[in-house]
Amino acid sequence: MIRSASLLAAGLLAMSAVAIPHQAEAKGCIKGAIVGGLAGKAVGHGKAGAAAGCAVGHHNANKKASQAQGQ
């Protein structure tokens, strides 16, 4: 129960980050953290999954933005 409460708190914190005016820095991180946190929770590593998901989501968002800028 404690893990689900901490995952919920992390999700709420991540969602509140959307309201921050500096969205460009967090682009992709929020979605990636939520997906990674849920996947990580399934194998017992929710926090690590959220951190990895944030990094991957941010990387993919930057890659997509650079491809769109190049076209």
Protein backbone atom coordinates (compact mmCIF):
# COMPACT_ATOMS: atom_id res chain seq x y z
CA MET A 1 0.00 0.00 0.00
CA ILE A 2 2.90 2.33 0.74
CA ARG A 3 4.34 1.83 -2.74
CA SER A 4 1.06 2.71 -4.40
CA ALA A 5 0.80 5.83 -2.22
CA SER A 6 4.31 6.92 -3.15
CA LEU A 7 3.61 6.20 -6.83
CA LEU A 8 0.43 8.24 -6.60
CA ALA A 9 2.32 11.09 -4.95
CA ALA A 10 5.00 10.96 -7.65
CA GLY A 11 2.32 10.98 -10.35
CA LEU A 12 0.59 13.97 -8.80
CA LEU A 13 3.90 15.79 -8.50
CA ALA A 14 4.67 15.03 -12.13
CA MET A 15 1.24 16.25 -13.22
CA SER A 16 1.65 19.45 -11.23
CA ALA A 17 4.89 20.09 -13.11
CA VAL A 18 2.79 20.56 -16.24
CA ALA A 19 1.51 23.84 -14.79
CA ILE A 20 5.05 25.23 -14.56
CA PRO A 21 5.72 27.82 -17.30
CA HIS A 22 8.97 26.08 -18.33
CA GLN A 23 7.24 23.24 -20.11
CA ALA A 24 9.90 22.98 -22.81
CA GLU A 25 12.36 21.45 -20.36
CA ALA A 26 9.87 18.85 -19.10
CA LYS A 27 8.45 17.93 -22.49
CA GLY A 28 8.12 14.17 -22.72
CA CYS A 29 9.27 13.65 -19.15
CA ILE A 30 5.83 13.67 -17.57
CA LYS A 31 4.33 11.08 -19.88
CA GLY A 32 7.46 8.96 -19.75
CA ALA A 33 7.60 9.10 -15.95
CA ILE A 34 4.00 7.98 -15.62
CA VAL A 35 4.40 5.11 -18.07
CA GLY A 36 7.80 4.13 -16.66
CA GLY A 37 6.53 4.33 -13.10
CA LEU A 38 3.63 2.02 -13.86
CA ALA A 39 5.85 -0.42 -15.73
CA GLY A 40 8.46 -0.28 -12.99
CA LYS A 41 5.83 -0.85 -10.31
CA ALA A 42 4.83 -4.06 -12.07
CA VAL A 43 8.34 -5.43 -11.49
CA GLY A 44 8.90 -3.80 -8.10
CA HIS A 45 10.98 -0.78 -9.12
CA GLY A 46 8.49 2.06 -9.55
CA LYS A 47 10.83 4.94 -8.73
CA ALA A 48 13.58 3.68 -10.99
CA GLY A 49 11.04 3.10 -13.75
CA ALA A 50 9.72 6.64 -13.38
CA ALA A 51 13.23 8.11 -13.57
CA ALA A 52 14.14 6.03 -16.60
CA GLY A 53 10.80 6.79 -18.25
CA CYS A 54 11.37 10.51 -17.76
CA ALA A 55 14.80 10.31 -19.37
CA VAL A 56 13.55 8.27 -22.32
CA GLY A 57 10.49 10.46 -22.81
CA HIS A 58 12.59 13.62 -22.73
CA HIS A 59 15.06 12.15 -25.21
CA ASN A 60 12.29 11.10 -27.60
CA ALA A 61 10.64 14.52 -27.38
CA ASN A 62 13.93 16.24 -28.20
CA LYS A 63 14.57 13.86 -31.10
CA LYS A 64 11.08 14.45 -32.48
CA ALA A 65 11.47 18.23 -32.15
CA SER A 66 14.82 18.23 -33.95
CA GLN A 67 13.40 16.10 -36.77
CA ALA A 68 10.46 18.49 -37.14
CA GLN A 69 12.80 21.47 -37.12
CA GLY A 70 14.97 19.92 -39.84
CA GLN A 71 12.06 19.46 -42.22
